[in-house]
Amino acid sequence: MAATARPRRSVLYMPGSNARALEKGRSLPADGLILDLEDAVAPDAKDVARDQIVAALAEGGYGKREIQIRTNGLNTPWGYADIVAAAKTSADAILLPKVESADTVRQVATIMEAQGAHADMRIWCMMETPLAMLDAREIAGAHPRLGGFVMGTSDLAKDLNCAHTPDRLPMMTSLGLCLLAARAYGLAILDGVHLDLSDDDGFAASCKQGREMGFDGKTLIHPKTIAAANTAFAPAESEIAWARKIIAAHQEAAQEGKGVVVVDGKLIENLHVVSAKRLVAMADQIAEMDAA
């Protein structure tokens, strides 16, 4: 499955030091969970958090949710041990904080392979510094294990010394650079968090903007925002119906030797059908996850 083909409408950060949160994650309607060893965990709780995440994944019960483990950086006292431990779990990916070079990705891949990481385990990169923005293309092409980017907009705003405006105009260059790099290399990409949990309208607007830009989903800091993100990043019923309609019409035209077809006054080519098939496949996977 291509990196971008899996539902990732809502991906929730969960502190590895909170055993109750790790348990609750098994029942939340999020498409993915980021089990965190970095920012959400105090220095004196790092080792306990690592052990709890490993134990929780060994126990299982997370269903079809995509599980990422966010480790500490390799330049910290905990980073190497985090990667070694994560590589031995069933997690779908290891999420690296503050990646600024392709060399970091390759170094982590080497550690993972030495520790016997399963073949489908991916590396994801937090993109959250100005240098990461400038080197996004090199990072995106660093290694075959790379699966996607996660925008770290809070740290990025701090480093840029920019404001958190409702339209996020100060971050548009950075978001665009990472989107371009991700799509050029077939990677998934998740939008950054919305920090104000009391701002429902602002959260909805941020999700709408993120989907329009091309993000696969939204990273979240509280379960209360899962439903809104799932709605915002899911195909609407009207979109699904239109996609199925043009797929059928184009298939019929192809059987007659035609490369294009007009549906409801709109010219439909193969490129539209490719997008339509992806949308239908996504809708089917979302329905399967919801049923489970």
Protein backbone atom coordinates (compact mmCIF):
# COMPACT_ATOMS: atom_id res chain seq x y z
CA MET A 1 0.00 0.00 0.00
CA ALA A 2 1.32 3.43 -0.92
CA ALA A 3 2.29 5.62 2.01
CA THR A 4 -0.54 8.04 1.27
CA ALA A 5 -3.31 5.46 0.72
CA ARG A 6 -4.16 4.69 4.35
CA PRO A 7 -6.74 6.70 6.33
CA ARG A 8 -4.91 9.18 8.56
CA ARG A 9 -7.69 11.69 9.23
CA SER A 10 -6.96 11.89 12.95
CA VAL A 11 -3.66 11.02 14.62
CA LEU A 12 -3.57 11.58 18.38
CA TYR A 13 -0.50 12.18 20.52
CA MET A 14 -0.57 10.04 23.69
CA PRO A 15 2.08 10.30 26.46
CA GLY A 16 3.86 7.01 27.00
CA SER A 17 4.16 7.78 30.69
CA ASN A 18 0.36 7.68 31.11
CA ALA A 19 -0.71 4.05 31.34
CA ARG A 20 -4.39 4.99 31.37
CA ALA A 21 -3.97 6.91 28.10
CA LEU A 22 -2.27 3.93 26.47
CA GLU A 23 -5.22 1.77 27.51
CA LYS A 24 -7.78 4.33 26.35
CA GLY A 25 -6.12 4.50 22.95
CA ARG A 26 -7.43 1.02 22.17
CA SER A 27 -11.01 2.32 22.07
CA LEU A 28 -10.66 5.80 20.57
CA PRO A 29 -11.97 6.37 17.01
CA ALA A 30 -8.66 7.85 15.83
CA ASP A 31 -7.06 6.55 12.65
CA GLY A 32 -3.66 6.65 14.29
CA LEU A 33 -1.86 7.12 17.60
CA ILE A 34 1.54 8.65 18.30
CA LEU A 35 2.81 7.04 21.50
CA ASP A 36 5.11 9.77 22.75
CA LEU A 37 8.44 9.47 24.51
CA GLU A 38 9.57 13.00 23.74
CA ASP A 39 7.85 16.30 24.60
CA ALA A 40 4.96 14.80 26.58
CA VAL A 41 7.24 12.87 28.94
CA ALA A 42 9.33 14.37 31.75
CA PRO A 43 13.03 13.41 31.87
CA ASP A 44 12.61 11.30 35.02
CA ALA A 45 9.77 9.33 33.40
CA LYS A 46 11.46 8.47 30.10
CA ASP A 47 12.50 4.94 31.01
CA VAL A 48 9.12 4.06 32.52
CA ALA A 49 7.33 5.48 29.49
CA ARG A 50 9.46 3.39 27.13
CA ASP A 51 8.74 0.22 29.08
CA GLN A 52 5.00 0.97 29.19
CA ILE A 53 4.77 1.52 25.43
CA VAL A 54 6.64 -1.70 24.71
CA ALA A 55 4.35 -3.59 27.08
CA ALA A 56 1.19 -2.03 25.65
CA LEU A 57 2.14 -2.97 22.09
CA ALA A 58 3.05 -6.49 23.17
CA GLU A 59 -0.42 -6.78 24.69
CA GLY A 60 -1.99 -5.48 21.48
CA GLY A 61 -5.61 -4.52 21.02
CA TYR A 62 -5.10 -1.41 18.88
CA GLY A 63 -6.93 -2.86 15.91
CA LYS A 64 -6.39 -1.16 12.57
CA ARG A 65 -5.07 2.07 14.09
CA GLU A 66 -1.68 3.12 12.76
CA ILE A 67 0.77 3.18 15.65
CA GLN A 68 3.82 5.40 15.70
CA ILE A 69 6.34 5.71 18.52
CA ARG A 70 7.86 9.17 18.82
CA THR A 71 11.34 8.71 20.21
CA ASN A 72 13.70 11.22 21.71
CA GLY A 73 16.43 12.52 19.42
CA LEU A 74 19.65 10.59 18.98
CA ASN A 75 21.49 13.54 20.52
CA THR A 76 19.69 13.00 23.84
CA PRO A 77 20.50 10.49 26.61
CA TRP A 78 17.39 8.44 25.70
CA GLY A 79 17.25 8.48 21.91
CA TYR A 80 19.31 5.43 21.06
CA ALA A 81 17.59 3.23 23.65
CA ASP A 82 14.20 4.48 22.41
CA ILE A 83 14.97 3.45 18.84
CA VAL A 84 16.34 0.06 19.86
CA ALA A 85 13.23 -0.67 21.93
CA ALA A 86 10.79 0.65 19.30
CA ALA A 87 12.44 -1.36 16.53
CA LYS A 88 11.59 -4.58 18.35
CA THR A 89 7.87 -3.80 18.67
CA SER A 90 4.94 -4.26 16.28
CA ALA A 91 4.58 -0.49 15.78
CA ASP A 92 3.96 0.72 12.25
CA ALA A 93 6.57 3.45 12.47
CA ILE A 94 9.18 5.26 14.49
CA LEU A 95 8.63 9.03 14.50
CA LEU A 96 11.84 11.04 14.84
CA PRO A 97 11.77 14.52 16.36
CA LYS A 98 13.43 17.58 14.85
CA VAL A 99 14.90 15.86 11.81
CA GLU A 100 17.19 18.23 9.93
CA SER A 101 19.15 15.95 7.60
CA ALA A 102 18.93 12.83 5.49
CA ASP A 103 21.87 11.42 7.45
CA THR A 104 19.74 11.24 10.60
CA VAL A 105 17.15 9.12 8.77
CA ARG A 106 19.81 6.78 7.41
CA GLN A 107 21.45 6.45 10.83
CA VAL A 108 18.15 5.46 12.43
CA ALA A 109 17.39 3.02 9.61
CA THR A 110 20.72 1.31 10.25
CA ILE A 111 19.92 0.93 13.96
CA MET A 112 16.44 -0.42 13.17
CA GLU A 113 17.75 -3.02 10.77
CA ALA A 114 20.45 -4.11 13.21
CA GLN A 115 17.74 -4.62 15.83
CA GLY A 116 15.55 -6.69 13.51
CA ALA A 117 12.76 -4.17 12.85
CA HIS A 118 9.97 -5.78 10.85
CA ALA A 119 10.04 -5.14 7.11
CA ASP A 120 6.98 -2.87 7.09
CA MET A 121 8.11 -0.60 9.92
CA ARG A 122 8.55 2.91 8.61
CA ILE A 123 10.43 6.01 9.66
CA TRP A 124 8.45 9.23 9.96
CA CYS A 125 10.03 12.64 10.46
CA MET A 126 8.90 15.57 12.56
CA MET A 127 9.44 18.64 10.38
CA GLU A 128 9.69 21.47 12.85
CA THR A 129 12.77 23.64 12.26
CA PRO A 130 13.81 26.13 9.58
CA LEU A 131 16.68 23.86 8.50
CA ALA A 132 14.24 20.97 8.04
CA MET A 133 12.15 23.15 5.74
CA LEU A 134 15.17 24.02 3.61
CA ASP A 135 16.29 20.37 3.42
CA ALA A 136 12.83 18.80 3.04
CA ARG A 137 13.59 17.32 -0.38
CA GLU A 138 16.79 15.60 0.78
CA ILE A 139 15.05 14.24 3.88
CA ALA A 140 12.11 12.93 1.82
CA GLY A 141 14.41 10.88 -0.38
CA ALA A 142 16.71 9.68 2.39
CA HIS A 143 15.77 6.00 2.69
CA PRO A 144 13.22 3.41 1.46
CA ARG A 145 11.87 3.03 5.00
CA LEU A 146 10.67 6.62 5.05
CA GLY A 147 6.89 6.76 5.34
CA GLY A 148 5.89 10.34 5.96
CA PHE A 149 6.25 13.77 7.51
CA VAL A 150 4.52 15.25 10.56
CA MET A 151 4.46 19.02 10.73
CA GLY A 152 5.64 20.36 14.09
CA THR A 153 4.09 23.78 13.74
CA SER A 154 4.49 24.84 17.39
CA ASP A 155 8.26 24.45 17.42
CA LEU A 156 8.44 25.87 13.92
CA ALA A 157 6.56 29.01 14.93
CA LYS A 158 8.95 29.45 17.87
CA ASP A 159 12.00 29.20 15.63
CA LEU A 160 10.52 31.45 12.96
CA ASN A 161 9.48 33.97 15.59
CA CYS A 162 6.14 34.17 13.79
CA ALA A 163 2.58 34.55 15.00
CA HIS A 164 -0.08 31.83 15.21
CA THR A 165 -2.56 33.61 12.95
CA PRO A 166 -5.92 32.02 12.04
CA ASP A 167 -4.95 31.81 8.35
CA ARG A 168 -1.45 30.48 9.22
CA LEU A 169 -0.02 32.75 6.54
CA PRO A 170 3.39 32.97 8.31
CA MET A 171 3.76 29.19 7.89
CA MET A 172 2.55 28.78 4.33
CA THR A 173 6.03 28.63 2.80
CA SER A 174 7.11 25.93 5.25
CA LEU A 175 3.92 23.88 4.88
CA GLY A 176 4.16 24.12 1.10
CA LEU A 177 7.80 23.04 0.95
CA CYS A 178 7.09 19.93 3.02
CA LEU A 179 3.98 19.08 1.02
CA LEU A 180 5.93 19.33 -2.22
CA ALA A 181 8.74 17.13 -0.93
CA ALA A 182 6.36 14.53 0.52
CA ARG A 183 4.30 14.20 -2.62
CA ALA A 184 7.37 14.15 -4.86
CA TYR A 185 8.59 11.05 -3.00
CA GLY A 186 5.23 9.36 -2.41
CA LEU A 187 5.12 10.07 1.32
CA ALA A 188 2.19 10.75 3.60
CA ILE A 189 2.07 14.08 5.44
CA LEU A 190 0.14 15.16 8.53
CA ASP A 191 -0.75 18.71 9.49
CA GLY A 192 0.34 20.21 12.80
CA VAL A 193 -1.73 20.50 15.97
CA HIS A 194 -4.24 23.21 16.87
CA LEU A 195 -3.30 24.32 20.38
CA ASP A 196 -6.49 26.08 21.57
CA LEU A 197 -8.88 23.34 22.67
CA SER A 198 -11.61 25.91 23.38
CA ASP A 199 -11.52 27.22 19.79
CA ASP A 200 -13.81 24.82 17.94
CA ASP A 201 -14.31 27.17 15.00
CA GLY A 202 -10.59 27.73 14.65
CA PHE A 203 -9.93 24.01 14.75
CA ALA A 204 -12.54 23.39 12.05
CA ALA A 205 -11.02 26.13 9.89
CA SER A 206 -7.53 24.68 10.35
CA CYS A 207 -8.75 21.21 9.32
CA LYS A 208 -10.52 22.64 6.27
CA GLN A 209 -7.42 24.54 5.24
CA GLY A 210 -5.21 21.49 5.79
CA ARG A 211 -7.38 19.25 3.65
CA GLU A 212 -7.60 21.86 0.88
CA MET A 213 -3.79 22.14 0.90
CA GLY A 214 -3.43 18.38 0.51
CA PHE A 215 -2.58 17.06 3.98
CA ASP A 216 -3.69 13.49 4.73
CA GLY A 217 -4.93 14.36 8.20
CA LYS A 218 -4.43 16.29 11.41
CA THR A 219 -2.31 15.59 14.45
CA LEU A 220 -4.28 16.07 17.67
CA ILE A 221 -3.58 16.73 21.33
CA HIS A 222 -6.98 15.76 22.82
CA PRO A 223 -9.54 13.03 22.09
CA LYS A 224 -12.36 15.60 21.95
CA THR A 225 -11.10 16.73 18.53
CA ILE A 226 -11.05 13.28 16.88
CA ALA A 227 -14.61 13.37 15.53
CA ALA A 228 -14.19 16.79 13.93
CA ALA A 229 -10.92 15.79 12.26
CA ASN A 230 -12.44 12.54 11.00
CA THR A 231 -15.29 14.47 9.42
CA ALA A 232 -13.07 17.16 7.93
CA PHE A 233 -10.62 14.79 6.25
CA ALA A 234 -13.10 12.12 5.14
CA PRO A 235 -14.61 12.16 1.63
CA ALA A 236 -18.18 13.47 1.66
CA GLU A 237 -20.96 11.20 0.40
CA SER A 238 -21.39 13.46 -2.62
CA GLU A 239 -17.68 13.13 -3.44
CA ILE A 240 -17.85 9.35 -3.18
CA ALA A 241 -20.93 9.18 -5.41
CA TRP A 242 -19.30 11.41 -8.02
CA ALA A 243 -16.11 9.36 -7.93
CA ARG A 244 -17.99 6.12 -8.50
CA LYS A 245 -19.96 7.73 -11.32
CA ILE A 246 -16.94 8.93 -13.27
CA ILE A 247 -15.09 5.63 -12.75
CA ALA A 248 -18.00 3.74 -14.28
CA ALA A 249 -18.42 6.23 -17.13
CA HIS A 250 -14.72 6.22 -17.99
CA GLN A 251 -14.60 2.42 -17.92
CA GLU A 252 -17.52 2.24 -20.31
CA ALA A 253 -15.88 4.79 -22.61
CA ALA A 254 -12.60 2.84 -22.55
CA GLN A 255 -14.42 -0.29 -23.69
CA GLU A 256 -15.57 1.73 -26.69
CA GLY A 257 -12.00 2.83 -27.42
CA LYS A 258 -12.40 6.35 -26.04
CA GLY A 259 -9.82 8.00 -23.79
CA VAL A 260 -12.10 10.74 -22.45
CA VAL A 261 -15.77 11.03 -21.57
CA VAL A 262 -18.10 13.88 -20.63
CA VAL A 263 -20.05 13.38 -17.40
CA ASP A 264 -22.62 16.01 -16.40
CA GLY A 265 -20.89 18.50 -18.68
CA LYS A 266 -17.41 17.85 -17.29
CA LEU A 267 -14.57 16.35 -19.30
CA ILE A 268 -13.20 13.27 -17.54
CA GLU A 269 -9.72 11.94 -18.33
CA ASN A 270 -7.66 9.16 -16.81
CA LEU A 271 -6.05 11.52 -14.28
CA HIS A 272 -9.50 12.23 -12.83
CA VAL A 273 -10.20 8.50 -12.62
CA VAL A 274 -6.94 7.85 -10.77
CA SER A 275 -7.93 10.40 -8.12
CA ALA A 276 -11.47 9.02 -8.01
CA LYS A 277 -10.26 5.47 -7.43
CA ARG A 278 -8.02 6.63 -4.62
CA LEU A 279 -10.93 8.47 -3.00
CA VAL A 280 -13.22 5.42 -3.25
CA ALA A 281 -10.51 3.16 -1.83
CA MET A 282 -10.05 5.59 1.06
CA ALA A 283 -13.80 5.69 1.71
CA ASP A 284 -13.96 1.89 1.73
CA GLN A 285 -11.07 1.68 4.21
CA ILE A 286 -12.70 4.30 6.48
CA ALA A 287 -15.94 2.32 6.44
CA GLU A 288 -14.01 -0.84 7.32
CA MET A 289 -12.26 0.91 10.24
CA ASP A 290 -15.51 2.38 11.52
CA ALA A 291 -17.17 -1.03 11.38
CA ALA A 292 -14.32 -2.57 13.34
